[in-house]
Each structure stands twice: as structure tokens, then as C-alpha cells.
Protein backbone atom coordinates (compact mmCIF):
# COMPACT_ATOMS: atom_id res chain seq x y z
CA UNK A 1 -88.04 -58.55 -75.59
CA UNK A 2 -91.19 -58.83 -73.41
CA UNK A 3 -93.70 -56.02 -73.77
CA UNK A 4 -94.35 -54.02 -70.59
CA UNK A 5 -97.89 -54.43 -69.31
CA UNK A 6 -100.24 -51.47 -69.14
CA UNK A 7 -103.14 -50.97 -66.75
CA UNK A 8 -105.54 -52.12 -69.46
CA UNK A 9 -103.49 -55.27 -70.05
CA UNK A 10 -103.73 -56.16 -66.35
CA UNK A 11 -107.50 -55.45 -66.23
CA UNK A 12 -108.00 -57.71 -69.30
CA UNK A 13 -105.96 -60.48 -67.65
CA UNK A 14 -108.07 -60.35 -64.49
CA UNK A 15 -111.29 -60.41 -66.54
CA UNK A 16 -110.24 -63.23 -68.86
CA UNK A 17 -108.17 -65.46 -66.59
CA UNK A 18 -109.99 -65.27 -63.21
CA UNK A 19 -113.52 -65.40 -61.88
CA UNK A 20 -115.04 -63.03 -59.36
CA UNK A 21 -112.26 -60.40 -59.20
CA UNK A 22 -111.99 -56.81 -60.34
CA UNK A 23 -109.18 -54.26 -60.36
CA UNK A 24 -109.98 -51.31 -58.10
CA UNK A 25 -106.66 -49.46 -58.05
CA UNK A 26 -104.22 -48.42 -60.78
CA UNK A 27 -101.73 -50.94 -62.15
CA UNK A 28 -98.14 -49.59 -62.18
CA UNK A 29 -95.92 -52.65 -62.59
CA UNK A 30 -95.64 -56.27 -61.49
CA UNK A 31 -93.96 -55.39 -58.15
CA UNK A 32 -96.15 -52.47 -57.00
CA UNK A 33 -99.23 -53.51 -55.03
CA UNK A 34 -102.58 -52.74 -56.56
CA UNK A 35 -105.94 -52.79 -54.80
CA UNK A 36 -108.25 -55.63 -55.85
CA UNK A 37 -111.80 -56.62 -54.95
CA UNK A 38 -113.09 -60.15 -54.47
CA UNK A 39 -116.72 -60.10 -55.55
CA UNK A 40 -117.33 -63.42 -53.79
CA UNK A 41 -116.61 -62.15 -50.24
CA UNK A 42 -116.99 -58.43 -50.97
CA UNK A 43 -113.61 -57.54 -49.46
CA UNK A 44 -110.83 -55.43 -50.95
CA UNK A 45 -107.16 -56.29 -50.57
CA UNK A 46 -103.78 -55.11 -51.87
CA UNK A 47 -101.53 -57.53 -53.74
CA UNK A 48 -98.50 -57.51 -56.01
CA UNK A 49 -99.73 -58.22 -59.58
CA UNK A 50 -96.99 -60.83 -60.02
CA UNK A 51 -98.34 -62.74 -56.97
CA UNK A 52 -101.95 -62.42 -58.08
CA UNK A 53 -101.11 -63.72 -61.57
CA UNK A 54 -99.62 -66.81 -59.94
CA UNK A 55 -102.21 -67.48 -57.19
CA UNK A 56 -105.40 -65.93 -58.60
CA UNK A 57 -106.97 -65.96 -55.15
CA UNK A 58 -108.29 -63.65 -52.40
CA UNK A 59 -105.75 -62.93 -49.66
CA UNK A 60 -108.34 -62.38 -46.85
CA UNK A 61 -110.09 -65.62 -47.78
CA UNK A 62 -106.79 -67.53 -47.58
CA UNK A 63 -106.10 -66.42 -44.00
CA UNK A 64 -107.18 -69.02 -41.44
CA UNK A 65 -110.13 -67.76 -39.42
CA UNK A 66 -109.07 -66.35 -36.05
CA UNK A 67 -110.79 -67.55 -32.89
CA UNK A 68 -112.21 -65.14 -30.37
CA UNK A 69 -111.18 -65.75 -26.74
CA UNK A 70 -114.69 -67.00 -25.95
CA UNK A 71 -114.58 -69.49 -28.83
CA UNK A 72 -111.18 -70.72 -27.73
CA UNK A 73 -112.41 -71.25 -24.14
CA UNK A 74 -115.31 -73.35 -25.43
CA UNK A 75 -112.97 -75.42 -27.59
CA UNK A 76 -110.56 -76.03 -24.68
CA UNK A 77 -113.39 -77.03 -22.35
CA UNK A 78 -114.64 -79.57 -24.90
CA UNK A 79 -111.21 -81.03 -25.69
CA UNK A 80 -109.93 -81.27 -22.08
CA UNK A 81 -113.12 -82.21 -20.24
CA UNK A 82 -113.19 -78.73 -18.65
CA UNK A 83 -109.89 -79.36 -16.79
CA UNK A 84 -108.33 -75.97 -17.65
CA UNK A 85 -109.30 -72.33 -17.19
CA UNK A 86 -108.12 -69.76 -19.74
CA UNK A 87 -106.97 -66.62 -17.88
CA UNK A 88 -105.44 -64.62 -20.76
CA UNK A 89 -106.63 -63.43 -24.19
CA UNK A 90 -106.37 -65.48 -27.38
CA UNK A 91 -104.20 -63.84 -30.08
CA UNK A 92 -103.10 -66.70 -32.31
CA UNK A 93 -102.37 -70.41 -31.95
CA UNK A 94 -98.63 -69.84 -31.54
CA UNK A 95 -98.85 -67.21 -28.75
CA UNK A 96 -98.76 -68.41 -25.15
CA UNK A 97 -101.82 -67.72 -22.98
CA UNK A 98 -101.94 -67.74 -19.17
CA UNK A 99 -103.76 -70.96 -18.31
CA UNK A 100 -104.78 -72.57 -15.00
CA UNK A 101 -105.07 -76.28 -14.25
CA UNK A 102 -108.22 -76.59 -12.17
CA UNK A 103 -107.06 -79.82 -10.52
CA UNK A 104 -103.84 -78.52 -8.87
CA UNK A 105 -104.30 -74.75 -9.32
CA UNK A 106 -100.99 -74.31 -11.20
CA UNK A 107 -100.83 -71.35 -13.62
CA UNK A 108 -98.45 -71.15 -16.59
CA UNK A 109 -98.23 -69.89 -20.16
CA UNK A 110 -98.99 -72.39 -22.94
CA UNK A 111 -99.77 -71.91 -26.62
CA UNK A 112 -103.18 -73.07 -27.96
CA UNK A 113 -101.32 -75.34 -30.37
CA UNK A 114 -99.71 -77.25 -27.49
CA UNK A 115 -102.78 -77.32 -25.26
CA UNK A 116 -105.06 -78.51 -28.07
CA UNK A 117 -102.36 -81.00 -29.02
CA UNK A 118 -102.66 -82.73 -25.66
CA UNK A 119 -99.89 -81.18 -23.56
CA UNK A 120 -101.05 -81.12 -19.95
CA UNK A 121 -100.12 -79.44 -16.68
CA UNK A 122 -96.30 -79.30 -16.21
CA UNK A 123 -96.62 -79.36 -12.42
CA UNK A 124 -98.69 -82.55 -12.36
CA UNK A 125 -96.41 -84.22 -14.89
CA UNK A 126 -93.21 -83.10 -13.11
CA UNK A 127 -92.05 -80.99 -16.07
CA UNK A 128 -92.32 -77.57 -14.43
CA UNK A 129 -89.25 -75.34 -14.67
CA UNK A 130 -88.91 -73.31 -11.50
CA UNK A 131 -88.23 -69.61 -11.46
CA UNK A 132 -88.13 -67.13 -8.58
CA UNK A 133 -91.87 -66.44 -8.59
CA UNK A 134 -92.73 -70.14 -8.65
CA UNK A 135 -90.37 -70.81 -5.71
CA UNK A 136 -91.83 -67.86 -3.75
CA UNK A 137 -95.28 -69.37 -4.25
CA UNK A 138 -94.02 -72.76 -3.03
CA UNK A 139 -92.59 -71.15 0.12
CA UNK A 140 -95.79 -69.19 0.78
CA UNK A 141 -97.93 -72.33 0.46
CA UNK A 142 -95.78 -74.05 3.12
CA UNK A 143 -95.11 -71.28 5.67
CA UNK A 144 -97.32 -68.31 4.69
CA UNK A 145 -95.73 -64.92 5.27
CA UNK A 146 -93.46 -66.11 8.11
CA UNK A 147 -90.60 -66.43 5.60
CA UNK A 148 -89.85 -64.29 2.56
CA UNK A 149 -87.57 -65.13 -0.39
CA UNK A 150 -85.17 -62.17 -0.73
CA UNK A 151 -82.96 -63.18 -3.72
CA UNK A 152 -83.30 -64.85 -7.11
CA UNK A 153 -83.87 -68.60 -7.46
CA UNK A 154 -81.28 -70.25 -9.74
CA UNK A 155 -81.29 -73.93 -8.83
CA UNK A 156 -82.34 -76.29 -6.07
CA UNK A 157 -78.76 -76.47 -4.73
CA UNK A 158 -77.72 -72.82 -5.05
CA UNK A 159 -78.38 -70.83 -1.87
CA UNK A 160 -80.96 -68.03 -1.80
CA UNK A 161 -81.56 -65.40 0.88
CA UNK A 162 -84.57 -65.76 3.19
CA UNK A 163 -86.04 -63.28 5.67
CA UNK A 164 -87.58 -64.71 8.85
CA UNK A 165 -90.37 -62.51 10.16
CA UNK A 166 -90.10 -63.55 13.81
CA UNK A 167 -89.78 -61.96 17.25
CA UNK A 168 -87.60 -64.88 18.37
CA UNK A 169 -84.64 -63.93 16.16
CA UNK A 170 -85.67 -60.31 15.61
CA UNK A 171 -86.10 -60.66 11.85
CA UNK A 172 -83.08 -62.54 10.53
CA UNK A 173 -81.83 -62.74 6.93
CA UNK A 174 -80.08 -66.07 6.27
CA UNK A 175 -79.01 -68.14 3.27
CA UNK A 176 -80.03 -71.71 2.54
CA UNK A 177 -80.50 -73.99 -0.47
CA UNK A 178 -84.10 -74.21 -1.74
CA UNK A 179 -84.01 -77.99 -1.34
CA UNK A 180 -83.04 -77.72 2.34
CA UNK A 181 -85.82 -75.22 3.02
CA UNK A 182 -88.48 -77.30 1.26
CA UNK A 183 -87.32 -80.38 3.19
CA UNK A 184 -87.89 -78.65 6.54
CA UNK A 185 -84.79 -76.63 7.45
CA UNK A 186 -85.57 -73.09 8.60
CA UNK A 187 -83.99 -70.01 10.25
CA UNK A 188 -80.39 -70.70 11.30
CA UNK A 189 -80.50 -68.06 14.06
CA UNK A 190 -83.62 -69.56 15.61
CA UNK A 191 -81.98 -72.98 15.42
CA UNK A 192 -78.97 -71.63 17.34
CA UNK A 193 -81.26 -70.07 19.95
CA UNK A 194 -83.12 -73.35 20.32
CA UNK A 195 -79.83 -75.11 21.04
CA UNK A 196 -78.42 -72.47 23.40
CA UNK A 197 -78.72 -71.76 27.13
CA UNK A 198 -81.11 -74.05 28.96
CA UNK A 199 -81.88 -75.87 25.70
CA UNK A 200 -78.25 -76.94 25.19
CA UNK A 201 -77.56 -80.62 25.82
CA UNK A 202 -74.63 -79.70 28.11
CA UNK A 203 -76.47 -77.06 30.17
CA UNK A 204 -75.54 -77.20 33.87
CA UNK A 205 -78.35 -75.78 36.06
CA UNK A 206 -76.09 -75.80 39.13
CA UNK A 207 -73.80 -72.99 37.89
CA UNK A 208 -74.31 -69.42 39.13
CA UNK A 209 -74.55 -66.63 36.55
CA UNK A 210 -71.07 -65.43 37.52
CA UNK A 211 -69.64 -68.91 37.07
CA UNK A 212 -71.42 -69.23 33.74
CA UNK A 213 -69.98 -65.90 32.53
CA UNK A 214 -66.47 -66.91 33.60
CA UNK A 215 -66.78 -70.25 31.80
CA UNK A 216 -68.00 -68.51 28.65
CA UNK A 217 -65.37 -65.79 28.80
CA UNK A 218 -63.75 -66.84 25.54
CA UNK A 219 -67.01 -67.16 23.61
CA UNK A 220 -69.62 -64.78 22.30
CA UNK A 221 -69.34 -61.12 23.30
CA UNK A 222 -65.85 -61.37 24.76
CA UNK A 223 -64.56 -62.64 21.41
CA UNK A 224 -66.16 -59.75 19.54
CA UNK A 225 -64.76 -57.28 22.11
CA UNK A 226 -61.27 -58.76 21.79
CA UNK A 227 -61.29 -58.58 17.97
CA UNK A 228 -62.40 -54.94 18.08
CA UNK A 229 -59.56 -54.09 20.49
CA UNK A 230 -57.01 -55.74 18.18
CA UNK A 231 -58.33 -53.89 15.12
CA UNK A 232 -58.38 -50.52 16.90
CA UNK A 233 -54.75 -50.97 18.02
CA UNK A 234 -53.64 -52.16 14.57
CA UNK A 235 -52.75 -55.59 15.98
CA UNK A 236 -49.78 -54.01 17.78
CA UNK A 237 -48.70 -54.40 21.41
CA UNK A 238 -49.18 -51.04 23.10
CA UNK A 239 -46.15 -51.58 25.37
CA UNK A 240 -43.32 -53.03 23.25
CA UNK A 241 -44.89 -52.05 19.88
CA UNK A 242 -44.41 -55.52 18.40
CA UNK A 243 -46.95 -56.03 15.58
CA UNK A 244 -48.70 -59.35 15.08
CA UNK A 245 -47.63 -62.51 16.84
CA UNK A 246 -49.58 -63.91 19.75
CA UNK A 247 -51.74 -61.11 21.15
CA UNK A 248 -53.88 -60.70 24.27
CA UNK A 249 -56.67 -58.20 24.90
CA UNK A 250 -56.06 -56.92 28.43
CA UNK A 251 -58.83 -55.50 30.65
CA UNK A 252 -57.53 -52.29 32.22
CA UNK A 253 -60.13 -52.54 34.99
CA UNK A 254 -60.37 -56.23 35.75
CA UNK A 255 -63.14 -58.56 34.58
CA UNK A 256 -64.03 -59.75 38.09
CA UNK A 257 -64.36 -56.39 39.88
CA UNK A 258 -65.78 -54.25 37.08
CA UNK A 259 -68.64 -56.22 35.41
CA UNK A 260 -70.17 -53.08 33.85
CA UNK A 261 -66.93 -52.38 31.94
CA UNK A 262 -66.33 -55.88 30.62
CA UNK A 263 -67.25 -55.10 27.01
CA UNK A 264 -66.33 -51.42 26.88
CA UNK A 265 -63.68 -50.76 24.21
CA UNK A 266 -62.15 -48.03 26.38
CA UNK A 267 -61.48 -50.70 29.00
CA UNK A 268 -59.29 -52.82 26.72
CA UNK A 269 -55.78 -52.60 25.31
CA UNK A 270 -53.71 -54.86 23.04
CA UNK A 271 -50.62 -56.52 24.55
CA UNK A 272 -48.32 -59.22 23.27
CA UNK A 273 -48.38 -62.42 25.29
CA UNK A 274 -45.04 -61.62 26.93
CA UNK A 275 -45.96 -58.08 28.06
CA UNK A 276 -49.33 -59.32 29.29
CA UNK A 277 -47.70 -62.07 31.36
CA UNK A 278 -45.13 -59.64 32.77
CA UNK A 279 -47.84 -57.17 33.85
CA UNK A 280 -49.75 -59.82 35.77
CA UNK A 281 -46.48 -61.07 37.19
CA UNK A 282 -46.15 -57.69 38.92
CA UNK A 283 -49.79 -56.96 39.84
CA UNK A 284 -51.28 -60.45 39.97
CA UNK A 285 -54.57 -61.63 38.43
CA UNK A 286 -57.84 -60.04 39.55
CA UNK A 287 -58.64 -56.67 41.05
CA UNK A 288 -56.46 -54.94 38.44
CA UNK A 289 -57.02 -51.27 37.60
CA UNK A 290 -56.27 -48.81 34.80
CA UNK A 291 -54.04 -46.90 37.23
CA UNK A 292 -51.88 -49.99 37.67
CA UNK A 293 -51.41 -50.23 33.91
CA UNK A 294 -50.40 -46.56 33.61
CA UNK A 295 -47.93 -47.07 36.46
CA UNK A 296 -46.50 -50.18 34.78
CA UNK A 297 -46.23 -48.53 31.36
CA UNK A 298 -44.40 -45.43 32.65
CA UNK A 299 -41.93 -46.96 35.04
């Protein structure tokens, strides 16, 4: 059976089997750290006696010397012909540091091990992996603060939300793929405005405003007004009470004689196609009034 070491046994071992070391603390057992002193470097360190018996060396002396940030900057400048600027602080070779490529201005995190090993700028080599901040910077470089990225970037083909800071569209939020935006597509509302009215290829300058409104009766505001009338009346004819089917939004005071009431919800009522046709069969088209409708509904 092996004899258990005492403190004196450990001190004798250090004296006889090593050079330049002395025991400073109290030996307890092979697994409990004891403080040692390396006479060569003058530093004290704690070590498990079992490890020291095997290595017989100074722990602080075995640790690779750590660079300061200034020393690392000098080393990078020498190895890369001063092509990179170190923006962060050096911790260790495996920790990424914010670095700037002076040629293109791109900033990214790279470990000293990779930079000293010859890895260059990911943007210049086409290896950059985009994230939201990188895409925002791309957009800003192209259009300044006219457009703002409002949602997270996921891929070149997955739509993100943009805000257009413009008086033309009144500040529109729209969605578009990053690729489309970078290739020149912009605000969808402004594009619609640019193709509307006098800018439309089919614009007829000879029409009066009244004729233009009549032609456009089933577009734009009239369509919104009609849908709101249907929803308010639960998509039910207010005369025969048939729900669904082919519906019409009837102007109580007619479109032609009451232009100020054209888009008032109180001036509309939901009728089925049959009831609507029957009403106009009695009172004709044009110059109709709300009083006529009340008369028709109560007869």
C-alpha cells in the first residue's frame, strides 16, 4: 500500500527533483492546489501537486504572451500592408474584433487568428453574409434617408417593409424584395401616381371633369363607398331582405344632381339587383331623391 505524502515529503520532492521552485503554501494532498514560487520569473502560482509532479514547470511561464491592442495593430499593419484598421480591443486570438477594410470601408468582426492567417474583406471577396443592419447601410448609401427599412432582412427574395419619406405619397409604407429595391424599384404608391391622371398612357385631355368622374364611377372612391355600404347593411337588400347574391349600392340622392353627397355613407343603401332595377323602372335614372325611395319602400 502506497504511503501518503506529508508536507515535508512534497517539499523534499520539489527540492530534489526540480530546479528553481519552492513550496510557499501547505501541502494537503495530491488533488488540493498548493501555492508555488518560480524563482526564475519571480511569480507565484497555484497548482495541484499531482500536475506539478508530472510537468515540473511554471504555469504563468507556459501561458502564451498576450498582445496589447497597440501591439496587435502594429502586427496587422505590417502583415496586411496597412490595409485594415482595428476598431475594437484585442482580447485573445480567438475573439472577434471589429475591423475596417480601408479600401472599401466595410466593417465586420474577425478573429486575429483569421486576419493574421490571410482572410481578407468579405465584401470585396463576395463572401459577406447580409443582416438587417448591413442591408440598411446598403439602402442608405444608395438613397440616403429618403427610404427607411422598417422590418428585418431575411433573404434577397423575401419582402421587407420600407418607409418612403416623401410629400408625393405622403409617407407610404410598402413591401418589396431587397433585390428589387437594390435593382432600382422604389415606392409603389409613387409609381401609381406617376402612371395616373395626365401621366396615364390613355389620358384623354378632351374630357370634362364631370365626364371623367362619370367614366371612373366604378373605380377608386366609388368602389370603397360601395363596399362600406354593403358591410354596413350586412350584405342584405334593404327592401326584400335577401342576403348575398348580386347586390347594388343605390344612391338615395342621385349621383348627377347631388355631387357633394356622392361618397356619403348616409346617402347609400344596399339593394339586390332586382329591387334596384324595379325602383329605377318606376322613377327613372337621374334626379332621384331620398324621398322617392321612402315612397317606394312604403307603398
